[in-house]
């Protein structure tokens, strides 16, 4: 098992990474497992892992469950209301525990429900997708989508623990594994050349990677995020670097009603767009742009962008929660392993980046 502490004073918590950890949840959670618990998960995760989860968690505490629909479009106020109702029905109090088991949508929604129920109840997260293991499970950013923008309604509510069991990936579709790998690649571009090179050389959907290689990649990405969160918990400055690829990525998701792209696929396109803007500005050497573009394309196919209206994407980007004074804030790579923040990216630059993305789509066939 690999354990990474997230040092936030009284809100300190561990990230535990290792195959088979889900079966050890009561031991890993310690006294937390003796509380009244509400297990929040999706119907798909429940169908695959529900029997084992219920057997494991009910061994110590009193367990209720709340199932939510699968899909980013259900990360909504209606689903949040249903979760609050489930907490009330379960008799959950401030001395209880919310256990979120699932992908990023489940973690974001369950964490926000925990943050807003009785002004905050403890929660832990057991991510079941590669994307959630290296992204949404770490850092305490929870929330729901608004029809006009992704994650516009939310809070910071740190979990008591993150338990990442890569064994869950064995039942994950290849597309979902690729989705998470884009986020690992993002971390490599931000701060870890060795991680970038490892992902660039990885087999499709990581099939064939050993347990050690998968756990090492997850741990490397989590360390990068944990170190940033420790310095800037509430995203007042440094933490914004973690949004590399997300300004365009979130806009693509919002512009297509959260139905066309997985989050990772949208970020993959966003990485390419941000790298092109950096290249055009002279921040990123052409050879480094080529390396980033090649690494993004190596991870596999992504849904098309060429048929989307640039104006619609720009409108969605201007509503992004990272915008300041109505201007888009971009994280731009200056090399592989280093990024900078820029709040002066013009719409014309984004339009040119979207054209390059469409051209790349045509090139890849």
Protein backbone atom coordinates (compact mmCIF):
# COMPACT_ATOMS: atom_id res chain seq x y z
CA UNK A 1 0.00 0.00 0.00
CA UNK A 2 1.15 3.52 -0.81
CA UNK A 3 0.00 6.23 1.58
CA UNK A 4 0.19 9.93 0.74
CA UNK A 5 -0.74 12.44 3.44
CA UNK A 6 -2.59 15.62 2.51
CA UNK A 7 -1.32 18.04 5.15
CA UNK A 8 -4.07 20.53 5.91
CA UNK A 9 -3.75 20.93 9.66
CA UNK A 10 -6.87 19.73 11.45
CA UNK A 11 -8.29 18.69 8.05
CA UNK A 12 -5.34 16.39 7.33
CA UNK A 13 -6.24 13.08 5.68
CA UNK A 14 -4.52 10.15 3.99
CA UNK A 15 -4.71 8.91 0.42
CA UNK A 16 -4.27 5.13 0.45
CA UNK A 17 -3.45 3.45 -2.87
CA UNK A 18 -3.25 -0.29 -3.43
CA UNK A 19 -4.92 -3.31 -4.98
CA UNK A 20 -7.45 -4.93 -2.67
CA UNK A 21 -7.88 -1.99 -0.28
CA UNK A 22 -11.66 -1.81 -0.79
CA UNK A 23 -12.01 -5.10 1.08
CA UNK A 24 -10.11 -3.57 3.99
CA UNK A 25 -12.22 -0.43 4.36
CA UNK A 26 -13.29 -0.91 7.99
CA UNK A 27 -9.67 -1.35 9.07
CA UNK A 28 -8.51 1.63 7.02
CA UNK A 29 -11.26 3.89 8.32
CA UNK A 30 -10.71 2.95 11.96
CA UNK A 31 -13.30 4.47 14.35
CA UNK A 32 -15.08 6.15 11.43
CA UNK A 33 -16.37 2.71 10.38
CA UNK A 34 -18.32 2.38 13.65
CA UNK A 35 -20.66 5.26 12.76
CA UNK A 36 -24.04 5.22 11.04
CA UNK A 37 -23.11 5.25 7.36
CA UNK A 38 -24.84 6.09 4.11
CA UNK A 39 -23.19 4.50 1.10
CA UNK A 40 -23.65 6.67 -2.00
CA UNK A 41 -22.90 4.97 -5.27
CA UNK A 42 -24.16 4.66 -8.84
CA UNK A 43 -26.38 1.90 -10.08
CA UNK A 44 -23.62 0.53 -12.29
CA UNK A 45 -21.07 0.37 -9.48
CA UNK A 46 -23.66 -1.23 -7.21
CA UNK A 47 -24.43 -3.90 -9.82
CA UNK A 48 -20.74 -4.76 -10.08
CA UNK A 49 -19.54 -4.35 -6.51
CA UNK A 50 -22.58 -3.82 -4.29
CA UNK A 51 -22.64 -7.21 -2.60
CA UNK A 52 -19.01 -6.97 -1.51
CA UNK A 53 -19.35 -3.33 -0.46
CA UNK A 54 -22.39 -4.01 1.69
CA UNK A 55 -20.75 -7.05 3.27
CA UNK A 56 -17.55 -5.10 4.01
CA UNK A 57 -19.12 -1.93 5.41
CA UNK A 58 -22.01 -3.43 7.35
CA UNK A 59 -19.59 -5.57 9.37
CA UNK A 60 -18.89 -2.60 11.66
CA UNK A 61 -21.42 0.18 11.29
CA UNK A 62 -25.12 0.63 10.55
CA UNK A 63 -25.36 0.97 6.78
CA UNK A 64 -27.93 2.50 4.46
CA UNK A 65 -27.46 3.02 0.75
CA UNK A 66 -28.43 5.69 -1.78
CA UNK A 67 -28.19 4.88 -5.48
CA UNK A 68 -27.91 7.65 -8.05
CA UNK A 69 -28.15 7.50 -11.85
CA UNK A 70 -25.03 7.17 -13.99
CA UNK A 71 -23.96 10.11 -16.11
CA UNK A 72 -22.57 13.63 -15.70
CA UNK A 73 -25.94 15.17 -16.57
CA UNK A 74 -27.31 13.77 -13.30
CA UNK A 75 -24.84 15.83 -11.26
CA UNK A 76 -27.72 18.21 -10.71
CA UNK A 77 -29.87 19.92 -8.12
CA UNK A 78 -32.59 17.28 -8.55
CA UNK A 79 -30.19 14.45 -7.69
CA UNK A 80 -28.79 16.48 -4.80
CA UNK A 81 -32.30 16.87 -3.38
CA UNK A 82 -32.80 13.11 -3.63
CA UNK A 83 -29.55 12.50 -1.74
CA UNK A 84 -30.55 14.87 1.05
CA UNK A 85 -33.86 13.00 1.30
CA UNK A 86 -31.95 9.72 1.55
CA UNK A 87 -29.82 11.11 4.39
CA UNK A 88 -32.93 12.17 6.30
CA UNK A 89 -34.61 8.80 5.73
CA UNK A 90 -31.47 7.02 6.99
CA UNK A 91 -31.43 9.07 10.19
CA UNK A 92 -27.98 10.41 9.36
CA UNK A 93 -26.68 12.92 11.90
CA UNK A 94 -23.55 15.00 12.24
CA UNK A 95 -21.96 12.02 13.95
CA UNK A 96 -22.59 9.87 10.85
CA UNK A 97 -20.50 9.21 7.77
CA UNK A 98 -21.12 9.49 4.04
CA UNK A 99 -19.16 6.92 2.03
CA UNK A 100 -18.93 7.84 -1.66
CA UNK A 101 -18.02 4.91 -3.90
CA UNK A 102 -17.83 5.58 -7.62
CA UNK A 103 -16.44 7.87 -10.25
CA UNK A 104 -15.96 11.61 -10.18
CA UNK A 105 -19.65 12.40 -10.58
CA UNK A 106 -20.51 10.29 -7.52
CA UNK A 107 -17.71 11.82 -5.45
CA UNK A 108 -18.53 15.41 -6.43
CA UNK A 109 -22.23 14.95 -5.75
CA UNK A 110 -21.94 12.92 -2.54
CA UNK A 111 -19.27 15.26 -1.19
CA UNK A 112 -21.44 18.30 -1.88
CA UNK A 113 -24.42 16.59 -0.27
CA UNK A 114 -22.23 15.89 2.78
CA UNK A 115 -21.01 19.50 2.82
CA UNK A 116 -24.53 20.96 2.75
CA UNK A 117 -26.43 18.48 4.93
CA UNK A 118 -26.70 19.72 8.53
CA UNK A 119 -24.02 22.29 7.58
CA UNK A 120 -21.50 19.54 7.00
CA UNK A 121 -21.09 15.86 7.89
CA UNK A 122 -17.91 13.77 7.51
CA UNK A 123 -17.34 11.81 4.35
CA UNK A 124 -14.83 9.48 2.76
CA UNK A 125 -14.35 8.69 -0.90
CA UNK A 126 -13.54 5.39 -2.58
CA UNK A 127 -12.93 6.26 -6.25
CA UNK A 128 -13.66 3.47 -8.72
CA UNK A 129 -12.43 5.12 -11.94
CA UNK A 130 -8.92 6.11 -12.88
CA UNK A 131 -10.10 9.66 -13.49
CA UNK A 132 -11.54 10.06 -10.00
CA UNK A 133 -8.52 8.42 -8.36
CA UNK A 134 -6.14 11.03 -9.74
CA UNK A 135 -8.44 14.03 -9.95
CA UNK A 136 -11.75 14.64 -8.21
CA UNK A 137 -11.18 12.40 -5.15
CA UNK A 138 -8.26 14.52 -3.97
CA UNK A 139 -8.57 18.11 -2.81
CA UNK A 140 -12.05 18.52 -1.38
CA UNK A 141 -13.65 20.33 -4.31
CA UNK A 142 -17.25 19.13 -4.44
CA UNK A 143 -20.26 20.36 -6.33
CA UNK A 144 -22.87 20.00 -9.02
CA UNK A 145 -23.31 21.32 -12.52
CA UNK A 146 -25.53 24.18 -13.62
CA UNK A 147 -27.15 23.83 -17.05
CA UNK A 148 -24.99 26.74 -18.22
CA UNK A 149 -21.67 25.68 -16.71
CA UNK A 150 -19.79 22.78 -15.17
CA UNK A 151 -19.30 22.73 -11.38
CA UNK A 152 -20.71 26.23 -10.94
CA UNK A 153 -22.40 25.28 -7.66
CA UNK A 154 -20.11 23.80 -5.02
CA UNK A 155 -17.96 24.02 -1.95
CA UNK A 156 -14.66 22.94 -0.42
CA UNK A 157 -15.27 19.99 1.92
CA UNK A 158 -12.25 17.79 2.55
CA UNK A 159 -12.85 14.05 2.97
CA UNK A 160 -11.61 12.19 6.03
CA UNK A 161 -9.85 9.66 3.79
CA UNK A 162 -9.37 8.65 0.16
CA UNK A 163 -9.05 4.92 -0.55
CA UNK A 164 -8.00 4.20 -4.14
CA UNK A 165 -8.15 0.53 -5.11
CA UNK A 166 -6.94 0.00 -8.70
CA UNK A 167 -8.62 -3.41 -8.69
CA UNK A 168 -11.80 -1.52 -9.59
CA UNK A 169 -10.20 -0.67 -12.94
CA UNK A 170 -10.48 -4.31 -14.02
CA UNK A 171 -14.23 -3.80 -14.59
CA UNK A 172 -13.82 -0.36 -16.17
CA UNK A 173 -14.42 0.06 -19.94
CA UNK A 174 -11.31 0.95 -21.94
CA UNK A 175 -12.77 4.37 -22.77
CA UNK A 176 -13.03 5.23 -19.07
CA UNK A 177 -9.45 4.12 -18.43
CA UNK A 178 -8.27 6.34 -21.29
CA UNK A 179 -10.29 9.19 -19.81
CA UNK A 180 -8.36 8.96 -16.55
CA UNK A 181 -5.05 8.66 -18.34
CA UNK A 182 -5.52 12.14 -19.84
CA UNK A 183 -5.59 13.53 -16.29
CA UNK A 184 -2.42 11.63 -15.39
CA UNK A 185 -0.79 13.06 -18.52
CA UNK A 186 -1.94 16.52 -17.41
CA UNK A 187 -0.11 16.08 -14.11
CA UNK A 188 3.03 15.08 -15.98
CA UNK A 189 2.86 18.22 -18.13
CA UNK A 190 2.40 20.34 -15.02
CA UNK A 191 5.22 19.02 -12.88
CA UNK A 192 6.65 15.58 -13.71
CA UNK A 193 8.58 14.84 -16.91
CA UNK A 194 9.13 11.20 -15.87
CA UNK A 195 5.39 10.67 -15.45
CA UNK A 196 4.77 12.36 -18.81
CA UNK A 197 7.23 9.99 -20.52
CA UNK A 198 5.73 6.94 -18.80
CA UNK A 199 2.22 7.79 -19.97
CA UNK A 200 3.46 8.62 -23.47
CA UNK A 201 4.90 5.11 -23.71
CA UNK A 202 2.00 3.34 -22.01
CA UNK A 203 -0.04 0.69 -23.87
CA UNK A 204 -3.57 1.59 -25.00
CA UNK A 205 -5.93 1.94 -22.00
CA UNK A 206 -2.97 0.83 -19.86
CA UNK A 207 -3.67 -2.80 -20.78
CA UNK A 208 -0.54 -4.73 -19.95
CA UNK A 209 0.71 -2.35 -17.28
CA UNK A 210 1.62 -4.15 -14.08
CA UNK A 211 -0.01 -3.44 -10.73
CA UNK A 212 3.16 -1.68 -9.63
CA UNK A 213 3.17 0.57 -12.72
CA UNK A 214 -0.50 1.52 -12.28
CA UNK A 215 -0.15 2.20 -8.55
CA UNK A 216 3.01 4.23 -9.20
CA UNK A 217 1.30 6.40 -11.86
CA UNK A 218 -1.73 6.99 -9.63
CA UNK A 219 0.51 7.86 -6.69
CA UNK A 220 2.63 10.27 -8.75
CA UNK A 221 -0.46 12.14 -9.95
CA UNK A 222 -1.93 12.21 -6.42
CA UNK A 223 1.33 13.53 -4.94
CA UNK A 224 1.39 16.41 -7.40
CA UNK A 225 -2.19 17.33 -6.61
CA UNK A 226 -1.72 16.91 -2.85
CA UNK A 227 1.34 19.17 -2.83
CA UNK A 228 -0.55 21.89 -4.69
CA UNK A 229 -3.65 21.59 -2.49
CA UNK A 230 -1.53 21.85 0.67
CA UNK A 231 -0.24 25.22 -0.51
CA UNK A 232 -3.53 26.55 -1.85
CA UNK A 233 -6.55 24.69 -0.48
CA UNK A 234 -9.18 27.12 -1.75
CA UNK A 235 -7.80 27.82 -5.23
CA UNK A 236 -6.77 31.40 -4.63
CA UNK A 237 -3.65 31.14 -6.75
CA UNK A 238 -1.32 28.17 -7.20
CA UNK A 239 -4.07 25.54 -7.28
CA UNK A 240 -5.29 26.96 -10.56
CA UNK A 241 -2.37 25.20 -12.28
CA UNK A 242 -4.32 21.95 -11.86
CA UNK A 243 -6.81 23.34 -14.38
CA UNK A 244 -4.45 22.82 -17.30
CA UNK A 245 -6.67 21.78 -20.22
CA UNK A 246 -9.84 22.53 -18.30
CA UNK A 247 -10.85 25.96 -19.67
CA UNK A 248 -11.52 24.54 -23.13
CA UNK A 249 -12.33 21.11 -21.69
CA UNK A 250 -15.13 22.31 -19.44
CA UNK A 251 -16.47 24.47 -22.27
CA UNK A 252 -16.65 21.44 -24.57
CA UNK A 253 -18.56 19.50 -21.92
CA UNK A 254 -21.02 22.34 -21.27
CA UNK A 255 -21.51 23.08 -24.97
CA UNK A 256 -22.53 19.47 -25.62
CA UNK A 257 -24.78 19.06 -22.58
CA UNK A 258 -22.31 16.73 -20.84
CA UNK A 259 -23.28 13.96 -23.24
CA UNK A 260 -20.56 13.72 -25.88
CA UNK A 261 -17.26 13.73 -23.99
CA UNK A 262 -16.00 12.05 -20.90
CA UNK A 263 -14.28 14.60 -18.69
CA UNK A 264 -10.87 13.18 -19.56
CA UNK A 265 -11.55 13.31 -23.30
CA UNK A 266 -12.57 16.95 -23.04
CA UNK A 267 -9.41 17.69 -21.02
CA UNK A 268 -7.37 15.88 -23.68
CA UNK A 269 -8.67 18.29 -26.31
CA UNK A 270 -8.13 21.14 -23.84
CA UNK A 271 -4.48 20.13 -23.37
CA UNK A 272 -3.96 20.32 -27.11
CA UNK A 273 -5.68 23.72 -27.31
CA UNK A 274 -3.72 25.18 -24.40
CA UNK A 275 -0.45 23.88 -25.82
CA UNK A 276 -1.21 25.51 -29.18
CA UNK A 277 -1.97 28.88 -27.56
CA UNK A 278 1.30 28.61 -25.62
CA UNK A 279 3.18 27.76 -28.84
CA UNK A 280 1.67 30.72 -30.69
CA UNK A 281 2.67 33.03 -27.83
CA UNK A 282 6.23 31.80 -27.92
CA UNK A 283 5.92 30.29 -24.43
CA UNK A 284 6.26 26.72 -25.64
CA UNK A 285 8.89 25.50 -28.08
CA UNK A 286 7.48 23.83 -31.22
CA UNK A 287 9.23 20.57 -30.30
CA UNK A 288 7.52 20.56 -26.91
CA UNK A 289 4.16 21.28 -28.54
CA UNK A 290 4.71 18.31 -30.82
CA UNK A 291 5.60 16.12 -27.83
CA UNK A 292 2.45 17.13 -25.94
CA UNK A 293 0.21 16.73 -28.99
CA UNK A 294 1.74 13.32 -29.73
CA UNK A 295 1.24 12.19 -26.13
CA UNK A 296 -2.39 13.32 -26.14
CA UNK A 297 -3.10 11.54 -29.42
CA UNK A 298 -1.30 8.41 -28.21
CA UNK A 299 -3.93 7.87 -25.54
CA UNK A 300 -6.60 7.03 -28.06
CA UNK A 301 -9.58 8.41 -29.99
CA UNK A 302 -11.63 11.34 -28.76
CA UNK A 303 -15.12 12.46 -29.85
CA UNK A 304 -15.15 15.03 -32.63
CA UNK A 305 -14.94 18.78 -32.09
CA UNK A 306 -15.04 19.97 -35.69
CA UNK A 307 -18.83 20.21 -35.83
CA UNK A 308 -19.12 22.43 -32.73
CA UNK A 309 -19.74 26.15 -32.97
CA UNK A 310 -16.68 28.12 -31.81
CA UNK A 311 -18.97 30.85 -30.51
CA UNK A 312 -20.86 28.36 -28.39
CA UNK A 313 -17.62 27.04 -26.93
CA UNK A 314 -16.37 30.57 -26.26
CA UNK A 315 -19.63 31.47 -24.55
CA UNK A 316 -19.29 28.44 -22.27
CA UNK A 317 -15.63 29.25 -21.56
CA UNK A 318 -16.49 32.81 -20.57
CA UNK A 319 -18.84 31.45 -17.89
CA UNK A 320 -16.16 29.17 -16.46
CA UNK A 321 -15.81 29.61 -12.70
CA UNK A 322 -12.10 30.39 -13.17
CA UNK A 323 -12.89 33.50 -15.25
CA UNK A 324 -11.87 36.81 -13.72
CA UNK A 325 -13.49 40.09 -14.69
CA UNK A 326 -15.19 38.38 -17.61
CA UNK A 327 -11.83 37.26 -19.01
CA UNK A 328 -10.82 33.65 -19.48
CA UNK A 329 -7.99 32.35 -17.31
CA UNK A 330 -5.77 29.80 -19.00
CA UNK A 331 -3.06 27.52 -17.68
CA UNK A 332 -0.44 27.29 -20.42
CA UNK A 333 2.51 24.90 -20.62
CA UNK A 334 5.90 26.55 -20.99
CA UNK A 335 7.68 23.19 -21.20
CA UNK A 336 6.97 19.59 -20.28
CA UNK A 337 6.94 19.83 -16.49
CA UNK A 338 6.22 23.55 -16.12
CA UNK A 339 3.15 25.76 -16.61
CA UNK A 340 2.17 29.41 -16.23
CA UNK A 341 -1.13 31.21 -15.58
CA UNK A 342 -2.39 33.78 -18.05
CA UNK A 343 -5.52 35.92 -17.70
CA UNK A 344 -5.17 37.80 -20.98
CA UNK A 345 -5.94 35.09 -23.54
CA UNK A 346 -8.06 36.64 -26.27
CA UNK A 347 -11.01 35.01 -27.99
CA UNK A 348 -9.14 35.15 -31.29
CA UNK A 349 -6.42 32.94 -29.78
CA UNK A 350 -9.00 30.42 -28.63
CA UNK A 351 -10.64 30.42 -32.07
CA UNK A 352 -7.29 29.62 -33.68
CA UNK A 353 -6.73 26.84 -31.15
CA UNK A 354 -10.16 25.38 -31.97
CA UNK A 355 -9.22 25.38 -35.66
CA UNK A 356 -6.01 23.49 -34.87
CA UNK A 357 -8.01 21.00 -32.80
CA UNK A 358 -10.37 20.42 -35.73
CA UNK A 359 -7.40 20.04 -38.09
CA UNK A 360 -5.84 17.51 -35.70
CA UNK A 361 -9.13 15.60 -35.69
CA UNK A 362 -9.07 15.43 -39.50
CA UNK A 363 -5.41 14.34 -39.48
CA UNK A 364 -6.15 11.47 -37.11
CA UNK A 365 -9.09 10.38 -39.18
